[in-house]
PDB file of N, CA and C in Angstrom:
ATOM      1  N   UNK A   1      44.640  29.059 -11.496  1.00  0.00           N
ATOM      2  CA  UNK A   1      44.058  28.149 -10.532  1.00  0.00           C
ATOM      3  C   UNK A   1      44.932  26.902 -10.458  1.00  0.00           C
ATOM      4  N   UNK A   2      45.233  26.486  -9.256  1.00  0.00           N
ATOM      5  CA  UNK A   2      46.070  25.310  -9.068  1.00  0.00           C
ATOM      6  C   UNK A   2      45.196  24.078  -8.873  1.00  0.00           C
ATOM      7  N   UNK A   3      45.839  22.919  -8.915  1.00  0.00           N
ATOM      8  CA  UNK A   3      45.112  21.681  -8.669  1.00  0.00           C
ATOM      9  C   UNK A   3      44.576  21.641  -7.243  1.00  0.00           C
ATOM     10  N   UNK A   4      45.342  22.195  -6.322  1.00  0.00           N
ATOM     11  CA  UNK A   4      44.882  22.228  -4.936  1.00  0.00           C
ATOM     12  C   UNK A   4      43.601  23.051  -4.826  1.00  0.00           C
ATOM     13  N   UNK A   5      43.557  24.179  -5.502  1.00  0.00           N
ATOM     14  CA  UNK A   5      42.353  25.004  -5.493  1.00  0.00           C
ATOM     15  C   UNK A   5      41.172  24.297  -6.138  1.00  0.00           C
ATOM     16  N   UNK A   6      41.454  23.544  -7.207  1.00  0.00           N
ATOM     17  CA  UNK A   6      40.404  22.782  -7.879  1.00  0.00           C
ATOM     18  C   UNK A   6      39.769  21.773  -6.931  1.00  0.00           C
ATOM     19  N   UNK A   7      40.617  20.986  -6.236  1.00  0.00           N
ATOM     20  CA  UNK A   7      40.090  19.956  -5.333  1.00  0.00           C
ATOM     21  C   UNK A   7      39.434  20.567  -4.101  1.00  0.00           C
ATOM     22  N   UNK A   8      39.941  21.698  -3.636  1.00  0.00           N
ATOM     23  CA  UNK A   8      39.296  22.381  -2.514  1.00  0.00           C
ATOM     24  C   UNK A   8      37.943  22.944  -2.927  1.00  0.00           C
ATOM     25  N   UNK A   9      37.818  23.362  -4.175  1.00  0.00           N
ATOM     26  CA  UNK A   9      36.525  23.826  -4.684  1.00  0.00           C
ATOM     27  C   UNK A   9      35.501  22.703  -4.730  1.00  0.00           C
ATOM     28  N   UNK A  10      35.934  21.528  -5.171  1.00  0.00           N
ATOM     29  CA  UNK A  10      35.031  20.370  -5.189  1.00  0.00           C
ATOM     30  C   UNK A  10      34.632  20.001  -3.767  1.00  0.00           C
ATOM     31  N   UNK A  11      35.595  20.008  -2.838  1.00  0.00           N
ATOM     32  CA  UNK A  11      35.284  19.704  -1.440  1.00  0.00           C
ATOM     33  C   UNK A  11      34.301  20.715  -0.877  1.00  0.00           C
ATOM     34  N   UNK A  12      34.496  21.971  -1.188  1.00  0.00           N
ATOM     35  CA  UNK A  12      33.590  23.016  -0.709  1.00  0.00           C
ATOM     36  C   UNK A  12      32.187  22.817  -1.281  1.00  0.00           C
ATOM     37  N   UNK A  13      32.098  22.458  -2.552  1.00  0.00           N
ATOM     38  CA  UNK A  13      30.792  22.198  -3.167  1.00  0.00           C
ATOM     39  C   UNK A  13      30.047  21.106  -2.421  1.00  0.00           C
ATOM     40  N   UNK A  14      30.726  19.998  -2.149  1.00  0.00           N
ATOM     41  CA  UNK A  14      30.069  18.899  -1.468  1.00  0.00           C
ATOM     42  C   UNK A  14      29.725  19.247  -0.027  1.00  0.00           C
ATOM     43  N   UNK A  15      30.636  19.853   0.698  1.00  0.00           N
ATOM     44  CA  UNK A  15      30.416  20.121   2.112  1.00  0.00           C
ATOM     45  C   UNK A  15      29.417  21.245   2.348  1.00  0.00           C
ATOM     46  N   UNK A  16      29.440  22.282   1.522  1.00  0.00           N
ATOM     47  CA  UNK A  16      28.619  23.454   1.777  1.00  0.00           C
ATOM     48  C   UNK A  16      27.293  23.467   1.028  1.00  0.00           C
ATOM     49  N   UNK A  17      27.193  22.732  -0.070  1.00  0.00           N
ATOM     50  CA  UNK A  17      25.983  22.804  -0.887  1.00  0.00           C
ATOM     51  C   UNK A  17      25.256  21.460  -0.949  1.00  0.00           C
ATOM     52  N   UNK A  18      25.949  20.430  -1.391  1.00  0.00           N
ATOM     53  CA  UNK A  18      25.271  19.163  -1.670  1.00  0.00           C
ATOM     54  C   UNK A  18      24.894  18.377  -0.415  1.00  0.00           C
ATOM     55  N   UNK A  19      25.531  18.664   0.708  1.00  0.00           N
ATOM     56  CA  UNK A  19      25.195  17.958   1.943  1.00  0.00           C
ATOM     57  C   UNK A  19      24.156  18.691   2.783  1.00  0.00           C
ATOM     58  N   UNK A  20      23.557  19.757   2.274  1.00  0.00           N
ATOM     59  CA  UNK A  20      22.539  20.490   3.029  1.00  0.00           C
ATOM     60  C   UNK A  20      21.358  19.595   3.405  1.00  0.00           C
ATOM     61  N   UNK A  21      20.817  18.763   2.481  1.00  0.00           N
ATOM     62  CA  UNK A  21      19.718  17.879   2.895  1.00  0.00           C
ATOM     63  C   UNK A  21      20.154  16.872   3.972  1.00  0.00           C
ATOM     64  N   UNK A  22      21.373  16.375   3.862  1.00  0.00           N
ATOM     65  CA  UNK A  22      21.858  15.430   4.864  1.00  0.00           C
ATOM     66  C   UNK A  22      21.970  16.098   6.229  1.00  0.00           C
ATOM     67  N   UNK A  23      22.484  17.317   6.259  1.00  0.00           N
ATOM     68  CA  UNK A  23      22.606  18.040   7.522  1.00  0.00           C
ATOM     69  C   UNK A  23      21.241  18.323   8.129  1.00  0.00           C
ATOM     70  N   UNK A  24      20.238  18.587   7.296  1.00  0.00           N
ATOM     71  CA  UNK A  24      18.883  18.832   7.792  1.00  0.00           C
ATOM     72  C   UNK A  24      18.292  17.576   8.413  1.00  0.00           C
ATOM     73  N   UNK A  25      18.535  16.425   7.796  1.00  0.00           N
ATOM     74  CA  UNK A  25      18.023  15.166   8.347  1.00  0.00           C
ATOM     75  C   UNK A  25      18.724  14.835   9.658  1.00  0.00           C
ATOM     76  N   UNK A  26      20.032  15.059   9.717  1.00  0.00           N
ATOM     77  CA  UNK A  26      20.790  14.800  10.941  1.00  0.00           C
ATOM     78  C   UNK A  26      20.300  15.702  12.068  1.00  0.00           C
ATOM     79  N   UNK A  27      19.938  16.937  11.753  1.00  0.00           N
ATOM     80  CA  UNK A  27      19.483  17.882  12.768  1.00  0.00           C
ATOM     81  C   UNK A  27      18.154  17.461  13.385  1.00  0.00           C
ATOM     82  N   UNK A  28      17.363  16.654  12.680  1.00  0.00           N
ATOM     83  CA  UNK A  28      16.076  16.209  13.212  1.00  0.00           C
ATOM     84  C   UNK A  28      16.233  15.214  14.357  1.00  0.00           C
ATOM     85  N   UNK A  29      17.346  14.497  14.400  1.00  0.00           N
ATOM     86  CA  UNK A  29      17.619  13.481  15.421  1.00  0.00           C
ATOM     87  C   UNK A  29      16.448  12.519  15.583  1.00  0.00           C
ATOM     88  N   UNK A  30      16.127  11.832  14.518  1.00  0.00           N
ATOM     89  CA  UNK A  30      15.012  10.901  14.527  1.00  0.00           C
ATOM     90  C   UNK A  30      15.346   9.661  15.342  1.00  0.00           C
ATOM     91  N   UNK A  31      14.421   9.254  16.200  1.00  0.00           N
ATOM     92  CA  UNK A  31      14.625   8.060  17.007  1.00  0.00           C
ATOM     93  C   UNK A  31      14.134   6.803  16.298  1.00  0.00           C
ATOM     94  N   UNK A  32      13.256   6.965  15.350  1.00  0.00           N
ATOM     95  CA  UNK A  32      12.714   5.828  14.623  1.00  0.00           C
ATOM     96  C   UNK A  32      13.674   5.442  13.494  1.00  0.00           C
ATOM     97  N   UNK A  33      14.083   4.190  13.468  1.00  0.00           N
ATOM     98  CA  UNK A  33      15.053   3.729  12.484  1.00  0.00           C
ATOM     99  C   UNK A  33      14.496   3.838  11.063  1.00  0.00           C
ATOM    100  N   UNK A  34      13.219   3.509  10.884  1.00  0.00           N
ATOM    101  CA  UNK A  34      12.630   3.538   9.546  1.00  0.00           C
ATOM    102  C   UNK A  34      12.549   4.961   8.997  1.00  0.00           C
ATOM    103  N   UNK A  35      12.194   5.915   9.848  1.00  0.00           N
ATOM    104  CA  UNK A  35      12.153   7.304   9.387  1.00  0.00           C
ATOM    105  C   UNK A  35      13.550   7.850   9.119  1.00  0.00           C
ATOM    106  N   UNK A  36      14.502   7.448   9.929  1.00  0.00           N
ATOM    107  CA  UNK A  36      15.870   7.929   9.745  1.00  0.00           C
ATOM    108  C   UNK A  36      16.463   7.424   8.433  1.00  0.00           C
ATOM    109  N   UNK A  37      16.003   6.297   7.965  1.00  0.00           N
ATOM    110  CA  UNK A  37      16.523   5.716   6.723  1.00  0.00           C
ATOM    111  C   UNK A  37      15.518   5.803   5.581  1.00  0.00           C
ATOM    112  N   UNK A  38      14.644   6.801   5.624  1.00  0.00           N
ATOM    113  CA  UNK A  38      13.606   6.942   4.603  1.00  0.00           C
ATOM    114  C   UNK A  38      14.210   7.120   3.213  1.00  0.00           C
ATOM    115  N   UNK A  39      15.269   7.900   3.095  1.00  0.00           N
ATOM    116  CA  UNK A  39      15.887   8.115   1.786  1.00  0.00           C
ATOM    117  C   UNK A  39      16.442   6.805   1.243  1.00  0.00           C
ATOM    118  N   UNK A  40      17.044   6.013   2.111  1.00  0.00           N
ATOM    119  CA  UNK A  40      17.572   4.718   1.681  1.00  0.00           C
ATOM    120  C   UNK A  40      16.440   3.806   1.211  1.00  0.00           C
ATOM    121  N   UNK A  41      15.328   3.818   1.928  1.00  0.00           N
ATOM    122  CA  UNK A  41      14.184   2.995   1.528  1.00  0.00           C
ATOM    123  C   UNK A  41      13.644   3.439   0.168  1.00  0.00           C
ATOM    124  N   UNK A  42      13.616   4.737  -0.070  1.00  0.00           N
ATOM    125  CA  UNK A  42      13.141   5.237  -1.367  1.00  0.00           C
ATOM    126  C   UNK A  42      14.067   4.755  -2.482  1.00  0.00           C
ATOM    127  N   UNK A  43      15.375   4.825  -2.252  1.00  0.00           N
ATOM    128  CA  UNK A  43      16.319   4.337  -3.263  1.00  0.00           C
ATOM    129  C   UNK A  43      16.185   2.835  -3.490  1.00  0.00           C
ATOM    130  N   UNK A  44      15.930   2.078  -2.444  1.00  0.00           N
ATOM    131  CA  UNK A  44      15.735   0.632  -2.587  1.00  0.00           C
ATOM    132  C   UNK A  44      14.495   0.349  -3.425  1.00  0.00           C
ATOM    133  N   UNK A  45      13.418   1.076  -3.187  1.00  0.00           N
ATOM    134  CA  UNK A  45      12.193   0.877  -3.968  1.00  0.00           C
ATOM    135  C   UNK A  45      12.393   1.252  -5.431  1.00  0.00           C
ATOM    136  N   UNK A  46      13.103   2.340  -5.692  1.00  0.00           N
ATOM    137  CA  UNK A  46      13.379   2.739  -7.074  1.00  0.00           C
ATOM    138  C   UNK A  46      14.239   1.685  -7.768  1.00  0.00           C
ATOM    139  N   UNK A  47      15.243   1.171  -7.070  1.00  0.00           N
ATOM    140  CA  UNK A  47      16.108   0.140  -7.653  1.00  0.00           C
ATOM    141  C   UNK A  47      15.325  -1.143  -7.927  1.00  0.00           C
ATOM    142  N   UNK A  48      14.433  -1.522  -7.022  1.00  0.00           N
ATOM    143  CA  UNK A  48      13.626  -2.732  -7.225  1.00  0.00           C
ATOM    144  C   UNK A  48      12.706  -2.562  -8.429  1.00  0.00           C
ATOM    145  N   UNK A  49      12.084  -1.397  -8.560  1.00  0.00           N
ATOM    146  CA  UNK A  49      11.202  -1.148  -9.703  1.00  0.00           C
ATOM    147  C   UNK A  49      11.991  -1.170 -11.007  1.00  0.00           C
ATOM    148  N   UNK A  50      13.178  -0.575 -11.012  1.00  0.00           N
ATOM    149  CA  UNK A  50      14.008  -0.583 -12.218  1.00  0.00           C
ATOM    150  C   UNK A  50      14.441  -2.003 -12.578  1.00  0.00           C
ATOM    151  N   UNK A  51      14.773  -2.805 -11.567  1.00  0.00           N
ATOM    152  CA  UNK A  51      15.188  -4.187 -11.819  1.00  0.00           C
ATOM    153  C   UNK A  51      14.040  -5.005 -12.409  1.00  0.00           C
ATOM    154  N   UNK A  52      12.844  -4.836 -11.862  1.00  0.00           N
ATOM    155  CA  UNK A  52      11.679  -5.566 -12.386  1.00  0.00           C
ATOM    156  C   UNK A  52      11.400  -5.139 -13.820  1.00  0.00           C
ATOM    157  N   UNK A  53      11.451  -3.842 -14.093  1.00  0.00           N
ATOM    158  CA  UNK A  53      11.240  -3.357 -15.455  1.00  0.00           C
ATOM    159  C   UNK A  53      12.283  -3.935 -16.409  1.00  0.00           C
ATOM    160  N   UNK A  54      13.523  -3.953 -15.973  1.00  0.00           N
ATOM    161  CA  UNK A  54      14.606  -4.481 -16.800  1.00  0.00           C
ATOM    162  C   UNK A  54      14.381  -5.961 -17.111  1.00  0.00           C
ATOM    163  N   UNK A  55      13.992  -6.739 -16.102  1.00  0.00           N
ATOM    164  CA  UNK A  55      13.750  -8.165 -16.321  1.00  0.00           C
ATOM    165  C   UNK A  55      12.577  -8.398 -17.270  1.00  0.00           C
ATOM    166  N   UNK A  56      11.528  -7.588 -17.152  1.00  0.00           N
ATOM    167  CA  UNK A  56      10.392  -7.725 -18.067  1.00  0.00           C
ATOM    168  C   UNK A  56      10.791  -7.380 -19.500  1.00  0.00           C
ATOM    169  N   UNK A  57      11.636  -6.368 -19.664  1.00  0.00           N
ATOM    170  CA  UNK A  57      12.102  -6.033 -21.009  1.00  0.00           C
ATOM    171  C   UNK A  57      12.984  -7.143 -21.583  1.00  0.00           C
ATOM    172  N   UNK A  58      13.833  -7.735 -20.753  1.00  0.00           N
ATOM    173  CA  UNK A  58      14.659  -8.854 -21.223  1.00  0.00           C
ATOM    174  C   UNK A  58      13.803 -10.054 -21.611  1.00  0.00           C
ATOM    175  N   UNK A  59      12.754 -10.313 -20.837  1.00  0.00           N
ATOM    176  CA  UNK A  59      11.851 -11.430 -21.159  1.00  0.00           C
ATOM    177  C   UNK A  59      11.144 -11.163 -22.482  1.00  0.00           C
ATOM    178  N   UNK A  60      10.682  -9.931 -22.689  1.00  0.00           N
ATOM    179  CA  UNK A  60      10.002  -9.591 -23.940  1.00  0.00           C
ATOM    180  C   UNK A  60      10.963  -9.729 -25.117  1.00  0.00           C
ATOM    181  N   UNK A  61      12.201  -9.301 -24.952  1.00  0.00           N
ATOM    182  CA  UNK A  61      13.192  -9.427 -26.011  1.00  0.00           C
ATOM    183  C   UNK A  61      13.505 -10.895 -26.301  1.00  0.00           C
ATOM    184  N   UNK A  62      13.585 -11.702 -25.262  1.00  0.00           N
ATOM    185  CA  UNK A  62      13.901 -13.114 -25.425  1.00  0.00           C
ATOM    186  C   UNK A  62      12.769 -13.864 -26.127  1.00  0.00           C
ATOM    187  N   UNK A  63      11.540 -13.465 -25.860  1.00  0.00           N
ATOM    188  CA  UNK A  63      10.398 -14.137 -26.472  1.00  0.00           C
ATOM    189  C   UNK A  63      10.123 -13.677 -27.893  1.00  0.00           C
ATOM    190  N   UNK A  64      10.762 -12.600 -28.325  1.00  0.00           N
ATOM    191  CA  UNK A  64      10.579 -12.085 -29.676  1.00  0.00           C
ATOM    192  C   UNK A  64      11.242 -13.045 -30.657  1.00  0.00           C
ATOM    193  N   UNK A  65      10.444 -13.611 -31.571  1.00  0.00           N
ATOM    194  CA  UNK A  65      10.975 -14.586 -32.525  1.00  0.00           C
ATOM    195  C   UNK A  65      11.216 -13.981 -33.901  1.00  0.00           C
ATOM    196  N   UNK A  66      10.917 -12.708 -34.063  1.00  0.00           N
ATOM    197  CA  UNK A  66      11.140 -12.079 -35.348  1.00  0.00           C
ATOM    198  C   UNK A  66      12.636 -11.893 -35.593  1.00  0.00           C
ATOM    199  N   UNK A  67      13.041 -12.143 -36.809  1.00  0.00           N
ATOM    200  CA  UNK A  67      14.441 -11.937 -37.154  1.00  0.00           C
ATOM    201  C   UNK A  67      14.646 -10.472 -37.519  1.00  0.00           C
ATOM    202  N   UNK A  68      15.534  -9.832 -36.811  1.00  0.00           N
ATOM    203  CA  UNK A  68      15.780  -8.421 -37.080  1.00  0.00           C
ATOM    204  C   UNK A  68      17.027  -8.225 -37.939  1.00  0.00           C
ATOM    205  N   UNK A  69      17.742  -9.255 -38.197  1.00  0.00           N
ATOM    206  CA  UNK A  69      18.977  -9.158 -38.961  1.00  0.00           C
ATOM    207  C   UNK A  69      18.837  -9.965 -40.241  1.00  0.00           C
ATOM    208  N   UNK A  70      19.365  -9.416 -41.324  1.00  0.00           N
ATOM    209  CA  UNK A  70      19.337 -10.133 -42.597  1.00  0.00           C
ATOM    210  C   UNK A  70      20.762 -10.419 -43.020  1.00  0.00           C
ATOM    211  N   UNK A  71      20.922 -11.540 -43.679  1.00  0.00           N
ATOM    212  CA  UNK A  71      22.242 -11.927 -44.155  1.00  0.00           C
ATOM    213  C   UNK A  71      22.140 -12.111 -45.675  1.00  0.00           C
ATOM    214  N   UNK A  72      22.834 -11.270 -46.397  1.00  0.00           N
ATOM    215  CA  UNK A  72      22.797 -11.342 -47.854  1.00  0.00           C
ATOM    216  C   UNK A  72      24.078 -12.019 -48.331  1.00  0.00           C
ATOM    217  N   UNK A  73      23.940 -13.210 -48.920  1.00  0.00           N
ATOM    218  CA  UNK A  73      25.094 -13.975 -49.360  1.00  0.00           C
ATOM    219  C   UNK A  73      25.716 -13.429 -50.631  1.00  0.00           C
ATOM    220  N   UNK A  74      25.019 -12.567 -51.359  1.00  0.00           N
ATOM    221  CA  UNK A  74      25.544 -12.068 -52.624  1.00  0.00           C
ATOM    222  C   UNK A  74      26.636 -11.006 -52.412  1.00  0.00           C
ATOM    223  N   UNK A  75      26.759 -10.477 -51.214  1.00  0.00           N
ATOM    224  CA  UNK A  75      27.776  -9.453 -50.981  1.00  0.00           C
ATOM    225  C   UNK A  75      29.095 -10.036 -50.803  1.00  0.00           C
TER     226      UNK A  75
END
């Protein structure tokens, strides 16, 4: 197998398999902008939820006053 065959295989995977959902959405020809970008809206909501969760975890870590590290001077 050559490098050219390797890259053509990856291109074939993306064009023939992984873009099937995209081709199905394009075939619907949606006139409504919000429906046409539904997948993007879902990703935005997931990213917003992850960001809020991350900030809450950082706040909880920052407010934690327990010392988790010990320093032994005898070593």
